[in-house]
Amino acid sequence: MTKNEPKLTKKQKAILEAATELFAEQGYAGTSTSEIANKAEVAEGTIFKHYKSKKGLLLAIVSPMMVKLLAPMIKKDLDKVLDQEFEYFQDFIRAMIVNRKEFIQKNLPMLRILVQEIPFHPDLKEQFIEHVGKDIFDKLERIVKYYQDKGQIVDMEPSTIMRTVATSILSYIIARYVFLPEANWDDEEVETERIIQILESGIIRKK
């Protein structure tokens, strides 16, 4: 917290912590302000006094975390993979899956809220693209072009390939570690190789 930011009161901290936990567990729509108040051990009116509405509370949780914590962490964490030069595109995919799995496991409650709520709140989506998306998308496009130049990926619009790869990785990681961790998943290495096989059928040039 910088000196220009308002210091949170004990009640505000309790409200934010309770809301983060409940939003992550039950979703924004499935959580009432009375539940948040009970968990935070404050009067329900205290929530509206500080945050005006449940939506205001959601933004109070997500916006600062997006700008000050998640965005820098996501970029720094992804750069560990994006700044490496792998010989084969398949090796890049494997490294991305391991990297995303570790990041999600470390930041599960906040990421669960983002995944659940971004589709329903355009302002959250805009913030995500502004603070996280553009830099990452630009780097991914350059990486796709690099492997196209090496003859490992088909000649297709890089943005299309990037979206296909990102969707394949994120849908697997989010399903396995956020929404369906109890499902009967195969060994992670096996699941990773299946993703690569699917991509090989569509965008990676076979030798």
N, C-alpha and C. Protein backbone atom coordinates (compact mmCIF):
# COMPACT_ATOMS: atom_id res chain seq x y z
N MET A 1 0.83 -1.19 0.00
CA MET A 1 0.00 0.00 0.00
C MET A 1 0.87 1.25 0.00
N THR A 2 0.61 2.18 -0.90
CA THR A 2 1.38 3.40 -0.97
C THR A 2 0.79 4.44 -0.04
N LYS A 3 1.55 5.51 0.19
CA LYS A 3 1.11 6.53 1.13
C LYS A 3 -0.09 7.31 0.61
N ASN A 4 -0.35 7.25 -0.72
CA ASN A 4 -1.48 7.97 -1.28
C ASN A 4 -2.79 7.17 -1.21
N GLU A 5 -2.71 5.91 -0.83
CA GLU A 5 -3.90 5.09 -0.76
C GLU A 5 -4.53 5.19 0.63
N PRO A 6 -5.87 5.17 0.68
CA PRO A 6 -6.52 5.20 1.98
C PRO A 6 -6.26 3.92 2.75
N LYS A 7 -6.04 4.06 4.03
CA LYS A 7 -5.79 2.89 4.87
C LYS A 7 -7.11 2.21 5.19
N LEU A 8 -7.15 0.90 5.01
CA LEU A 8 -8.38 0.17 5.29
C LEU A 8 -8.59 0.01 6.78
N THR A 9 -9.84 0.14 7.20
CA THR A 9 -10.17 -0.11 8.59
C THR A 9 -10.24 -1.61 8.83
N LYS A 10 -10.33 -1.99 10.07
CA LYS A 10 -10.43 -3.41 10.42
C LYS A 10 -11.69 -4.02 9.80
N LYS A 11 -12.79 -3.25 9.83
CA LYS A 11 -14.04 -3.75 9.26
C LYS A 11 -13.95 -3.89 7.74
N GLN A 12 -13.31 -2.93 7.09
CA GLN A 12 -13.16 -3.02 5.63
C GLN A 12 -12.33 -4.25 5.24
N LYS A 13 -11.27 -4.50 5.98
CA LYS A 13 -10.44 -5.67 5.69
C LYS A 13 -11.25 -6.95 5.87
N ALA A 14 -12.06 -6.99 6.94
CA ALA A 14 -12.87 -8.18 7.20
C ALA A 14 -13.90 -8.39 6.09
N ILE A 15 -14.49 -7.30 5.62
CA ILE A 15 -15.48 -7.39 4.53
C ILE A 15 -14.82 -7.90 3.26
N LEU A 16 -13.68 -7.35 2.89
CA LEU A 16 -12.99 -7.76 1.67
C LEU A 16 -12.56 -9.23 1.74
N GLU A 17 -12.05 -9.64 2.89
CA GLU A 17 -11.62 -11.03 3.05
C GLU A 17 -12.82 -11.98 2.96
N ALA A 18 -13.92 -11.62 3.62
CA ALA A 18 -15.12 -12.46 3.60
C ALA A 18 -15.70 -12.54 2.19
N ALA A 19 -15.78 -11.39 1.52
CA ALA A 19 -16.34 -11.36 0.16
C ALA A 19 -15.47 -12.16 -0.81
N THR A 20 -14.15 -12.04 -0.69
CA THR A 20 -13.25 -12.79 -1.57
C THR A 20 -13.47 -14.29 -1.42
N GLU A 21 -13.56 -14.73 -0.19
CA GLU A 21 -13.76 -16.16 0.06
C GLU A 21 -15.11 -16.64 -0.45
N LEU A 22 -16.17 -15.88 -0.18
CA LEU A 22 -17.51 -16.29 -0.60
C LEU A 22 -17.71 -16.19 -2.11
N PHE A 23 -17.20 -15.12 -2.72
CA PHE A 23 -17.30 -15.00 -4.17
C PHE A 23 -16.58 -16.16 -4.86
N ALA A 24 -15.42 -16.55 -4.31
CA ALA A 24 -14.65 -17.64 -4.90
C ALA A 24 -15.38 -18.96 -4.75
N GLU A 25 -16.03 -19.16 -3.61
CA GLU A 25 -16.72 -20.43 -3.34
C GLU A 25 -18.07 -20.52 -4.04
N GLN A 26 -18.84 -19.43 -3.99
CA GLN A 26 -20.24 -19.47 -4.42
C GLN A 26 -20.54 -18.66 -5.67
N GLY A 27 -19.58 -17.86 -6.11
CA GLY A 27 -19.82 -16.97 -7.23
C GLY A 27 -20.44 -15.67 -6.75
N TYR A 28 -20.31 -14.65 -7.58
CA TYR A 28 -20.85 -13.33 -7.24
C TYR A 28 -22.37 -13.37 -7.12
N ALA A 29 -23.05 -13.95 -8.10
CA ALA A 29 -24.52 -13.98 -8.10
C ALA A 29 -25.06 -14.83 -6.96
N GLY A 30 -24.31 -15.86 -6.55
CA GLY A 30 -24.79 -16.76 -5.51
C GLY A 30 -24.47 -16.31 -4.10
N THR A 31 -23.87 -15.14 -3.96
CA THR A 31 -23.50 -14.63 -2.63
C THR A 31 -24.30 -13.38 -2.31
N SER A 32 -24.90 -13.36 -1.14
CA SER A 32 -25.66 -12.18 -0.72
C SER A 32 -24.82 -11.30 0.19
N THR A 33 -25.18 -10.03 0.25
CA THR A 33 -24.45 -9.13 1.15
C THR A 33 -24.67 -9.52 2.62
N SER A 34 -25.81 -10.13 2.92
CA SER A 34 -26.04 -10.57 4.31
C SER A 34 -25.08 -11.69 4.69
N GLU A 35 -24.78 -12.59 3.73
CA GLU A 35 -23.81 -13.65 4.00
C GLU A 35 -22.42 -13.06 4.24
N ILE A 36 -22.07 -12.08 3.41
CA ILE A 36 -20.77 -11.43 3.58
C ILE A 36 -20.69 -10.75 4.94
N ALA A 37 -21.75 -10.06 5.29
CA ALA A 37 -21.79 -9.36 6.59
C ALA A 37 -21.65 -10.35 7.74
N ASN A 38 -22.36 -11.47 7.67
CA ASN A 38 -22.28 -12.48 8.73
C ASN A 38 -20.87 -13.04 8.86
N LYS A 39 -20.26 -13.33 7.73
CA LYS A 39 -18.91 -13.91 7.76
C LYS A 39 -17.90 -12.89 8.26
N ALA A 40 -18.10 -11.63 7.89
CA ALA A 40 -17.17 -10.58 8.32
C ALA A 40 -17.47 -10.07 9.71
N GLU A 41 -18.61 -10.50 10.25
CA GLU A 41 -19.05 -10.08 11.59
C GLU A 41 -19.23 -8.56 11.67
N VAL A 42 -19.94 -8.04 10.66
CA VAL A 42 -20.30 -6.63 10.64
C VAL A 42 -21.77 -6.51 10.28
N ALA A 43 -22.34 -5.34 10.50
CA ALA A 43 -23.72 -5.10 10.09
C ALA A 43 -23.77 -4.99 8.56
N GLU A 44 -24.87 -5.44 7.97
CA GLU A 44 -24.98 -5.38 6.51
C GLU A 44 -24.89 -3.94 6.01
N GLY A 45 -25.40 -3.01 6.79
CA GLY A 45 -25.33 -1.61 6.41
C GLY A 45 -23.90 -1.10 6.30
N THR A 46 -22.98 -1.71 7.02
CA THR A 46 -21.57 -1.30 6.96
C THR A 46 -21.00 -1.56 5.57
N ILE A 47 -21.45 -2.63 4.93
CA ILE A 47 -20.99 -2.94 3.58
C ILE A 47 -21.40 -1.82 2.63
N PHE A 48 -22.66 -1.41 2.71
CA PHE A 48 -23.16 -0.36 1.81
C PHE A 48 -22.56 1.00 2.14
N LYS A 49 -22.22 1.20 3.39
CA LYS A 49 -21.58 2.45 3.79
C LYS A 49 -20.22 2.61 3.10
N HIS A 50 -19.47 1.53 3.03
CA HIS A 50 -18.12 1.60 2.47
C HIS A 50 -18.07 1.33 0.96
N TYR A 51 -18.98 0.48 0.47
CA TYR A 51 -18.85 0.02 -0.92
C TYR A 51 -20.09 0.28 -1.78
N LYS A 52 -21.13 0.89 -1.22
CA LYS A 52 -22.33 1.34 -1.95
C LYS A 52 -23.20 0.18 -2.45
N SER A 53 -22.59 -0.86 -3.01
CA SER A 53 -23.36 -1.97 -3.58
C SER A 53 -22.50 -3.22 -3.60
N LYS A 54 -23.14 -4.35 -3.91
CA LYS A 54 -22.38 -5.60 -4.03
C LYS A 54 -21.40 -5.50 -5.21
N LYS A 55 -21.83 -4.86 -6.29
CA LYS A 55 -20.94 -4.68 -7.45
C LYS A 55 -19.74 -3.81 -7.06
N GLY A 56 -20.00 -2.78 -6.26
CA GLY A 56 -18.90 -1.94 -5.79
C GLY A 56 -17.91 -2.73 -4.95
N LEU A 57 -18.43 -3.68 -4.20
CA LEU A 57 -17.56 -4.55 -3.39
C LEU A 57 -16.73 -5.46 -4.28
N LEU A 58 -17.35 -6.02 -5.31
CA LEU A 58 -16.61 -6.86 -6.25
C LEU A 58 -15.47 -6.08 -6.89
N LEU A 59 -15.76 -4.87 -7.35
CA LEU A 59 -14.73 -4.06 -7.99
C LEU A 59 -13.64 -3.66 -6.99
N ALA A 60 -14.03 -3.44 -5.74
CA ALA A 60 -13.05 -3.08 -4.72
C ALA A 60 -12.08 -4.23 -4.46
N ILE A 61 -12.55 -5.45 -4.66
CA ILE A 61 -11.69 -6.62 -4.50
C ILE A 61 -10.82 -6.82 -5.73
N VAL A 62 -11.46 -6.82 -6.88
CA VAL A 62 -10.77 -7.23 -8.10
C VAL A 62 -9.88 -6.14 -8.69
N SER A 63 -10.36 -4.90 -8.73
CA SER A 63 -9.60 -3.84 -9.40
C SER A 63 -8.20 -3.64 -8.81
N PRO A 64 -8.08 -3.42 -7.50
CA PRO A 64 -6.72 -3.25 -6.96
C PRO A 64 -5.86 -4.49 -7.14
N MET A 65 -6.48 -5.67 -6.98
CA MET A 65 -5.71 -6.90 -7.14
C MET A 65 -5.23 -7.05 -8.58
N MET A 66 -6.09 -6.65 -9.52
CA MET A 66 -5.74 -6.75 -10.93
C MET A 66 -4.55 -5.85 -11.25
N VAL A 67 -4.63 -4.61 -10.77
CA VAL A 67 -3.63 -3.60 -11.13
C VAL A 67 -2.32 -3.81 -10.38
N LYS A 68 -2.40 -4.11 -9.08
CA LYS A 68 -1.20 -4.10 -8.25
C LYS A 68 -0.60 -5.47 -8.00
N LEU A 69 -1.42 -6.50 -8.11
CA LEU A 69 -0.90 -7.83 -7.78
C LEU A 69 -0.92 -8.77 -8.98
N LEU A 70 -2.12 -9.04 -9.48
CA LEU A 70 -2.24 -10.06 -10.52
C LEU A 70 -1.54 -9.67 -11.82
N ALA A 71 -1.77 -8.45 -12.30
CA ALA A 71 -1.16 -8.05 -13.58
C ALA A 71 0.36 -8.18 -13.55
N PRO A 72 1.05 -7.57 -12.57
CA PRO A 72 2.51 -7.73 -12.53
C PRO A 72 2.94 -9.18 -12.36
N MET A 73 2.19 -9.93 -11.53
CA MET A 73 2.56 -11.32 -11.28
C MET A 73 2.38 -12.17 -12.53
N ILE A 74 1.25 -11.96 -13.23
CA ILE A 74 0.98 -12.73 -14.44
C ILE A 74 2.06 -12.46 -15.49
N LYS A 75 2.37 -11.17 -15.67
CA LYS A 75 3.38 -10.80 -16.67
C LYS A 75 4.75 -11.36 -16.31
N LYS A 76 5.14 -11.17 -15.06
CA LYS A 76 6.46 -11.64 -14.62
C LYS A 76 6.55 -13.16 -14.72
N ASP A 77 5.46 -13.82 -14.31
CA ASP A 77 5.44 -15.27 -14.31
C ASP A 77 5.47 -15.82 -15.73
N LEU A 78 4.67 -15.24 -16.61
CA LEU A 78 4.64 -15.68 -18.00
C LEU A 78 5.96 -15.40 -18.72
N ASP A 79 6.60 -14.30 -18.36
CA ASP A 79 7.86 -13.95 -19.01
C ASP A 79 8.92 -15.02 -18.81
N LYS A 80 8.80 -15.79 -17.72
CA LYS A 80 9.75 -16.87 -17.48
C LYS A 80 9.72 -17.87 -18.64
N VAL A 81 8.55 -18.03 -19.23
CA VAL A 81 8.41 -18.94 -20.37
C VAL A 81 8.56 -18.20 -21.69
N LEU A 82 7.89 -17.04 -21.79
CA LEU A 82 7.88 -16.32 -23.06
C LEU A 82 9.26 -15.83 -23.48
N ASP A 83 10.14 -15.56 -22.52
CA ASP A 83 11.47 -15.05 -22.85
C ASP A 83 12.49 -16.15 -23.13
N GLN A 84 12.06 -17.39 -23.00
CA GLN A 84 12.95 -18.50 -23.35
C GLN A 84 12.81 -18.82 -24.83
N GLU A 85 13.82 -19.48 -25.37
CA GLU A 85 13.76 -19.88 -26.77
C GLU A 85 13.80 -21.40 -26.84
N PHE A 86 12.64 -22.00 -27.04
CA PHE A 86 12.54 -23.44 -27.13
C PHE A 86 12.77 -23.87 -28.58
N GLU A 87 13.39 -25.02 -28.75
CA GLU A 87 13.67 -25.48 -30.12
C GLU A 87 12.38 -25.84 -30.85
N TYR A 88 11.47 -26.48 -30.11
CA TYR A 88 10.22 -26.91 -30.74
C TYR A 88 9.02 -26.26 -30.07
N PHE A 89 8.00 -26.00 -30.87
CA PHE A 89 6.78 -25.38 -30.35
C PHE A 89 6.12 -26.28 -29.29
N GLN A 90 6.24 -27.60 -29.45
CA GLN A 90 5.68 -28.51 -28.46
C GLN A 90 6.29 -28.29 -27.08
N ASP A 91 7.59 -28.01 -27.05
CA ASP A 91 8.27 -27.77 -25.76
C ASP A 91 7.77 -26.47 -25.13
N PHE A 92 7.49 -25.48 -25.95
CA PHE A 92 6.92 -24.23 -25.46
C PHE A 92 5.55 -24.49 -24.82
N ILE A 93 4.72 -25.32 -25.45
CA ILE A 93 3.39 -25.65 -24.92
C ILE A 93 3.52 -26.34 -23.56
N ARG A 94 4.43 -27.30 -23.47
CA ARG A 94 4.61 -28.02 -22.20
C ARG A 94 5.01 -27.06 -21.09
N ALA A 95 5.92 -26.14 -21.38
CA ALA A 95 6.38 -25.18 -20.38
C ALA A 95 5.25 -24.24 -19.96
N MET A 96 4.40 -23.84 -20.91
CA MET A 96 3.27 -22.96 -20.61
C MET A 96 2.28 -23.64 -19.67
N ILE A 97 2.02 -24.91 -19.89
CA ILE A 97 1.06 -25.64 -19.05
C ILE A 97 1.58 -25.74 -17.62
N VAL A 98 2.83 -26.09 -17.45
CA VAL A 98 3.42 -26.17 -16.11
C VAL A 98 3.39 -24.81 -15.43
N ASN A 99 3.74 -23.77 -16.17
CA ASN A 99 3.78 -22.41 -15.64
C ASN A 99 2.40 -21.97 -15.17
N ARG A 100 1.37 -22.17 -15.98
CA ARG A 100 0.01 -21.74 -15.63
C ARG A 100 -0.54 -22.53 -14.47
N LYS A 101 -0.22 -23.84 -14.41
CA LYS A 101 -0.70 -24.67 -13.30
C LYS A 101 -0.17 -24.13 -11.97
N GLU A 102 1.12 -23.83 -11.93
CA GLU A 102 1.73 -23.35 -10.69
C GLU A 102 1.15 -21.99 -10.29
N PHE A 103 0.93 -21.12 -11.27
CA PHE A 103 0.39 -19.79 -10.96
C PHE A 103 -1.04 -19.89 -10.43
N ILE A 104 -1.86 -20.72 -11.04
CA ILE A 104 -3.25 -20.85 -10.60
C ILE A 104 -3.32 -21.45 -9.20
N GLN A 105 -2.49 -22.43 -8.92
CA GLN A 105 -2.50 -23.04 -7.59
C GLN A 105 -2.12 -22.03 -6.51
N LYS A 106 -1.26 -21.08 -6.83
CA LYS A 106 -0.83 -20.08 -5.86
C LYS A 106 -1.87 -18.98 -5.65
N ASN A 107 -2.73 -18.75 -6.63
CA ASN A 107 -3.67 -17.61 -6.59
C ASN A 107 -5.10 -18.05 -6.84
N LEU A 108 -5.47 -19.21 -6.31
CA LEU A 108 -6.74 -19.83 -6.66
C LEU A 108 -7.98 -19.00 -6.33
N PRO A 109 -8.14 -18.44 -5.11
CA PRO A 109 -9.40 -17.72 -4.82
C PRO A 109 -9.64 -16.53 -5.76
N MET A 110 -8.63 -15.70 -5.98
CA MET A 110 -8.81 -14.53 -6.82
C MET A 110 -9.04 -14.93 -8.28
N LEU A 111 -8.31 -15.92 -8.75
CA LEU A 111 -8.48 -16.36 -10.12
C LEU A 111 -9.84 -17.00 -10.35
N ARG A 112 -10.35 -17.69 -9.33
CA ARG A 112 -11.69 -18.27 -9.45
C ARG A 112 -12.72 -17.17 -9.62
N ILE A 113 -12.57 -16.08 -8.89
CA ILE A 113 -13.49 -14.95 -9.04
C ILE A 113 -13.39 -14.36 -10.44
N LEU A 114 -12.16 -14.15 -10.92
CA LEU A 114 -11.98 -13.58 -12.25
C LEU A 114 -12.61 -14.45 -13.33
N VAL A 115 -12.34 -15.75 -13.27
CA VAL A 115 -12.86 -16.66 -14.29
C VAL A 115 -14.38 -16.68 -14.27
N GLN A 116 -14.95 -16.66 -13.07
CA GLN A 116 -16.41 -16.72 -12.94
C GLN A 116 -17.08 -15.42 -13.37
N GLU A 117 -16.46 -14.28 -13.06
CA GLU A 117 -17.18 -13.01 -13.20
C GLU A 117 -16.83 -12.18 -14.43
N ILE A 118 -15.64 -12.35 -15.00
CA ILE A 118 -15.26 -11.53 -16.16
C ILE A 118 -16.28 -11.63 -17.31
N PRO A 119 -16.82 -12.82 -17.62
CA PRO A 119 -17.79 -12.87 -18.72
C PRO A 119 -19.05 -12.05 -18.48
N PHE A 120 -19.37 -11.77 -17.22
CA PHE A 120 -20.62 -11.08 -16.89
C PHE A 120 -20.43 -9.61 -16.52
N HIS A 121 -19.18 -9.17 -16.45
CA HIS A 121 -18.90 -7.79 -16.05
C HIS A 121 -17.91 -7.17 -17.05
N PRO A 122 -18.42 -6.45 -18.06
CA PRO A 122 -17.56 -5.87 -19.10
C PRO A 122 -16.44 -4.99 -18.53
N ASP A 123 -16.70 -4.29 -17.42
CA ASP A 123 -15.66 -3.43 -16.86
C ASP A 123 -14.48 -4.24 -16.34
N LEU A 124 -14.74 -5.43 -15.80
CA LEU A 124 -13.65 -6.30 -15.36
C LEU A 124 -12.86 -6.82 -16.56
N LYS A 125 -13.57 -7.16 -17.62
CA LYS A 125 -12.91 -7.64 -18.83
C LYS A 125 -12.01 -6.56 -19.41
N GLU A 126 -12.49 -5.33 -19.44
CA GLU A 126 -11.69 -4.22 -19.98
C GLU A 126 -10.44 -4.00 -19.14
N GLN A 127 -10.59 -4.09 -17.82
CA GLN A 127 -9.43 -3.92 -16.94
C GLN A 127 -8.41 -5.03 -17.18
N PHE A 128 -8.90 -6.26 -17.34
CA PHE A 128 -7.99 -7.38 -17.56
C PHE A 128 -7.19 -7.19 -18.84
N ILE A 129 -7.89 -6.81 -19.91
CA ILE A 129 -7.20 -6.59 -21.19
C ILE A 129 -6.20 -5.44 -21.08
N GLU A 130 -6.62 -4.38 -20.38
CA GLU A 130 -5.76 -3.20 -20.25
C GLU A 130 -4.50 -3.50 -19.46
N HIS A 131 -4.64 -4.20 -18.34
CA HIS A 131 -3.50 -4.38 -17.44
C HIS A 131 -2.72 -5.67 -17.68
N VAL A 132 -3.35 -6.65 -18.32
CA VAL A 132 -2.69 -7.94 -18.50
C VAL A 132 -2.59 -8.33 -19.97
N GLY A 133 -3.71 -8.22 -20.68
CA GLY A 133 -3.84 -8.85 -21.97
C GLY A 133 -2.92 -8.36 -23.06
N LYS A 134 -2.87 -7.05 -23.30
CA LYS A 134 -2.21 -6.54 -24.50
C LYS A 134 -0.74 -6.94 -24.59
N ASP A 135 0.01 -6.72 -23.53
CA ASP A 135 1.44 -7.07 -23.56
C ASP A 135 1.65 -8.55 -23.82
N ILE A 136 0.84 -9.38 -23.14
CA ILE A 136 0.97 -10.83 -23.30
C ILE A 136 0.59 -11.25 -24.71
N PHE A 137 -0.50 -10.70 -25.22
CA PHE A 137 -0.94 -11.06 -26.57
C PHE A 137 0.12 -10.71 -27.62
N ASP A 138 0.73 -9.54 -27.46
CA ASP A 138 1.77 -9.12 -28.41
C ASP A 138 2.94 -10.09 -28.40
N LYS A 139 3.36 -10.52 -27.20
CA LYS A 139 4.48 -11.46 -27.10
C LYS A 139 4.12 -12.81 -27.71
N LEU A 140 2.90 -13.26 -27.44
CA LEU A 140 2.48 -14.55 -27.98
C LEU A 140 2.44 -14.54 -29.50
N GLU A 141 2.00 -13.42 -30.07
CA GLU A 141 1.98 -13.31 -31.54
C GLU A 141 3.39 -13.40 -32.11
N ARG A 142 4.35 -12.76 -31.44
CA ARG A 142 5.74 -12.82 -31.92
C ARG A 142 6.28 -14.24 -31.84
N ILE A 143 5.89 -14.96 -30.78
CA ILE A 143 6.34 -16.34 -30.62
C ILE A 143 5.76 -17.23 -31.72
N VAL A 144 4.48 -17.03 -32.03
CA VAL A 144 3.84 -17.80 -33.10
C VAL A 144 4.57 -17.55 -34.42
N LYS A 145 4.87 -16.29 -34.71
CA LYS A 145 5.58 -15.95 -35.95
C LYS A 145 6.96 -16.59 -35.98
N TYR A 146 7.62 -16.66 -34.82
CA TYR A 146 8.95 -17.26 -34.74
C TYR A 146 8.89 -18.73 -35.17
N TYR A 147 7.90 -19.47 -34.66
CA TYR A 147 7.78 -20.89 -35.02
C TYR A 147 7.23 -21.07 -36.43
N GLN A 148 6.48 -20.11 -36.92
CA GLN A 148 6.08 -20.16 -38.33
C GLN A 148 7.30 -20.01 -39.23
N ASP A 149 8.19 -19.09 -38.88
CA ASP A 149 9.41 -18.88 -39.67
C ASP A 149 10.30 -20.13 -39.65
N LYS A 150 10.23 -20.89 -38.54
CA LYS A 150 11.01 -22.12 -38.45
C LYS A 150 10.33 -23.28 -39.19
N GLY A 151 9.13 -23.02 -39.71
CA GLY A 151 8.40 -24.05 -40.45
C GLY A 151 7.69 -25.06 -39.59
N GLN A 152 7.50 -24.74 -38.29
CA GLN A 152 6.88 -25.70 -37.37
C GLN A 152 5.37 -25.50 -37.24
N ILE A 153 4.87 -24.33 -37.64
CA ILE A 153 3.45 -24.03 -37.53
C ILE A 153 2.92 -23.63 -38.90
N VAL A 154 1.68 -24.01 -39.17
CA VAL A 154 1.08 -23.71 -40.47
C VAL A 154 0.98 -22.20 -40.69
N ASP A 155 0.91 -21.82 -41.96
CA ASP A 155 0.77 -20.40 -42.31
C ASP A 155 -0.68 -19.99 -42.12
N MET A 156 -0.94 -19.39 -40.99
CA MET A 156 -2.28 -18.94 -40.63
C MET A 156 -2.12 -17.66 -39.83
N GLU A 157 -3.16 -16.87 -39.75
CA GLU A 157 -3.10 -15.63 -38.98
C GLU A 157 -2.61 -15.92 -37.56
N PRO A 158 -1.50 -15.28 -37.12
CA PRO A 158 -0.95 -15.56 -35.79
C PRO A 158 -1.96 -15.38 -34.65
N SER A 159 -2.83 -14.37 -34.78
CA SER A 159 -3.80 -14.14 -33.71
C SER A 159 -4.77 -15.31 -33.58
N THR A 160 -5.12 -15.94 -34.70
CA THR A 160 -6.02 -17.11 -34.67
C THR A 160 -5.33 -18.28 -33.99
N ILE A 161 -4.07 -18.52 -34.35
CA ILE A 161 -3.31 -19.61 -33.72
C ILE A 161 -3.13 -19.34 -32.23
N MET A 162 -2.82 -18.10 -31.89
CA MET A 162 -2.62 -17.74 -30.50
C MET A 162 -3.87 -18.01 -29.67
N ARG A 163 -5.04 -17.64 -30.20
CA ARG A 163 -6.29 -17.86 -29.47
C ARG A 163 -6.57 -19.36 -29.32
N THR A 164 -6.26 -20.13 -30.36
CA THR A 164 -6.48 -21.57 -30.31
C THR A 164 -5.61 -22.22 -29.24
N VAL A 165 -4.35 -21.85 -29.22
CA VAL A 165 -3.42 -22.42 -28.24
C VAL A 165 -3.80 -21.98 -26.82
N ALA A 166 -4.07 -20.69 -26.65
CA ALA A 166 -4.41 -20.17 -25.32
C ALA A 166 -5.68 -20.83 -24.78
N THR A 167 -6.68 -20.98 -25.64
CA THR A 167 -7.93 -21.61 -25.22
C THR A 167 -7.70 -23.07 -24.82
N SER A 168 -6.90 -23.77 -25.58
CA SER A 168 -6.62 -25.18 -25.26
C SER A 168 -5.94 -25.33 -23.91
N ILE A 169 -4.96 -24.48 -23.66
CA ILE A 169 -4.22 -24.56 -22.39
C ILE A 169 -5.08 -24.12 -21.22
N LEU A 170 -5.71 -22.95 -21.35
CA LEU A 170 -6.47 -22.40 -20.23
C LEU A 170 -7.69 -23.23 -19.88
N SER A 171 -8.38 -23.76 -20.91
CA SER A 171 -9.57 -24.56 -20.62
C SER A 171 -9.20 -25.82 -19.83
N TYR A 172 -8.07 -26.42 -20.17
CA TYR A 172 -7.61 -27.60 -19.43
C TYR A 172 -7.20 -27.23 -18.00
N ILE A 173 -6.37 -26.20 -17.87
CA ILE A 173 -5.86 -25.81 -16.55
C ILE A 173 -7.01 -25.38 -15.63
N ILE A 174 -7.90 -24.55 -16.15
CA ILE A 174 -9.00 -24.04 -15.33
C ILE A 174 -9.95 -25.16 -14.93
N ALA A 175 -10.24 -26.06 -15.88
CA ALA A 175 -11.12 -27.18 -15.56
C ALA A 175 -10.50 -28.07 -14.49
N ARG A 176 -9.20 -28.36 -14.67
CA ARG A 176 -8.55 -29.30 -13.76
C ARG A 176 -8.31 -28.73 -12.37
N TYR A 177 -7.92 -27.46 -12.29
CA TYR A 177 -7.49 -26.91 -11.00
C TYR A 177 -8.48 -25.92 -10.37
N VAL A 178 -9.47 -25.45 -11.15
CA VAL A 178 -10.42 -24.48 -10.59
C VAL A 178 -11.80 -25.09 -10.43
N PHE A 179 -12.36 -25.66 -11.48
CA PHE A 179 -13.75 -26.08 -11.44
C PHE A 179 -13.96 -27.57 -11.19
N LEU A 180 -13.08 -28.42 -11.69
CA LEU A 180 -13.30 -29.87 -11.59
C LEU A 180 -12.08 -30.61 -11.03
N PRO A 181 -11.52 -30.14 -9.93
CA PRO A 181 -10.32 -30.81 -9.41
C PRO A 181 -10.58 -32.25 -8.95
N GLU A 182 -11.84 -32.56 -8.62
CA GLU A 182 -12.15 -33.91 -8.13
C GLU A 182 -12.42 -34.89 -9.25
N ALA A 183 -12.48 -34.41 -10.49
CA ALA A 183 -12.77 -35.30 -11.62
C ALA A 183 -11.66 -36.33 -11.79
N ASN A 184 -11.98 -37.38 -12.53
CA ASN A 184 -11.04 -38.48 -12.71
C ASN A 184 -10.05 -38.15 -13.82
N TRP A 185 -9.10 -37.25 -13.52
CA TRP A 185 -8.11 -36.83 -14.51
C TRP A 185 -7.02 -37.89 -14.65
N ASP A 186 -6.49 -38.01 -15.84
CA ASP A 186 -5.31 -38.85 -16.04
C ASP A 186 -4.08 -38.10 -15.54
N ASP A 187 -2.94 -38.80 -15.55
CA ASP A 187 -1.68 -38.17 -15.17
C ASP A 187 -1.48 -36.89 -15.98
N GLU A 188 -0.93 -35.87 -15.33
CA GLU A 188 -0.79 -34.56 -15.97
C GLU A 188 0.03 -34.64 -17.26
N GLU A 189 1.06 -35.45 -17.27
CA GLU A 189 1.88 -35.57 -18.48
C GLU A 189 1.07 -36.15 -19.63
N VAL A 190 0.19 -37.09 -19.31
CA VAL A 190 -0.67 -37.70 -20.34
C VAL A 190 -1.64 -36.65 -20.89
N GLU A 191 -2.26 -35.88 -20.00
CA GLU A 191 -3.20 -34.85 -20.42
C GLU A 191 -2.50 -33.79 -21.28
N THR A 192 -1.29 -33.43 -20.90
CA THR A 192 -0.52 -32.44 -21.66
C THR A 192 -0.23 -32.94 -23.07
N GLU A 193 0.18 -34.19 -23.18
CA GLU A 193 0.49 -34.75 -24.50
C GLU A 193 -0.76 -34.83 -25.38
N ARG A 194 -1.92 -35.02 -24.76
CA ARG A 194 -3.16 -35.04 -25.55
C ARG A 194 -3.46 -33.67 -26.14
N ILE A 195 -3.21 -32.62 -25.35
CA ILE A 195 -3.40 -31.26 -25.87
C ILE A 195 -2.48 -31.03 -27.06
N ILE A 196 -1.22 -31.46 -26.92
CA ILE A 196 -0.26 -31.28 -28.01
C ILE A 196 -0.70 -32.07 -29.25
N GLN A 197 -1.23 -33.27 -29.04
CA GLN A 197 -1.71 -34.07 -30.17
C GLN A 197 -2.84 -33.36 -30.90
N ILE A 198 -3.75 -32.75 -30.14
CA ILE A 198 -4.87 -32.02 -30.75
C ILE A 198 -4.34 -30.84 -31.57
N LEU A 199 -3.37 -30.12 -31.01
CA LEU A 199 -2.80 -28.98 -31.72
C LEU A 199 -2.02 -29.44 -32.95
N GLU A 200 -1.35 -30.57 -32.84
CA GLU A 200 -0.60 -31.10 -33.99
C GLU A 200 -1.53 -31.43 -35.15
N SER A 201 -2.75 -31.79 -34.83
CA SER A 201 -3.71 -32.15 -35.88
C SER A 201 -4.19 -30.91 -36.64
N GLY A 202 -4.00 -29.73 -35.99
CA GLY A 202 -4.55 -28.55 -36.63
C GLY A 202 -3.57 -27.47 -37.03
N ILE A 203 -2.55 -27.19 -36.18
CA ILE A 203 -1.70 -26.03 -36.48
C ILE A 203 -0.22 -26.35 -36.59
N ILE A 204 0.23 -27.46 -36.00
CA ILE A 204 1.67 -27.76 -36.02
C ILE A 204 1.97 -28.65 -37.22
N ARG A 205 2.98 -28.25 -38.00
CA ARG A 205 3.37 -29.04 -39.16
C ARG A 205 4.03 -30.34 -38.69
N LYS A 206 3.56 -31.46 -39.21
CA LYS A 206 4.17 -32.73 -38.87
C LYS A 206 5.42 -32.96 -39.70
N LYS A 207 6.39 -33.62 -39.10
CA LYS A 207 7.66 -33.87 -39.81
C LYS A 207 7.47 -34.99 -40.84
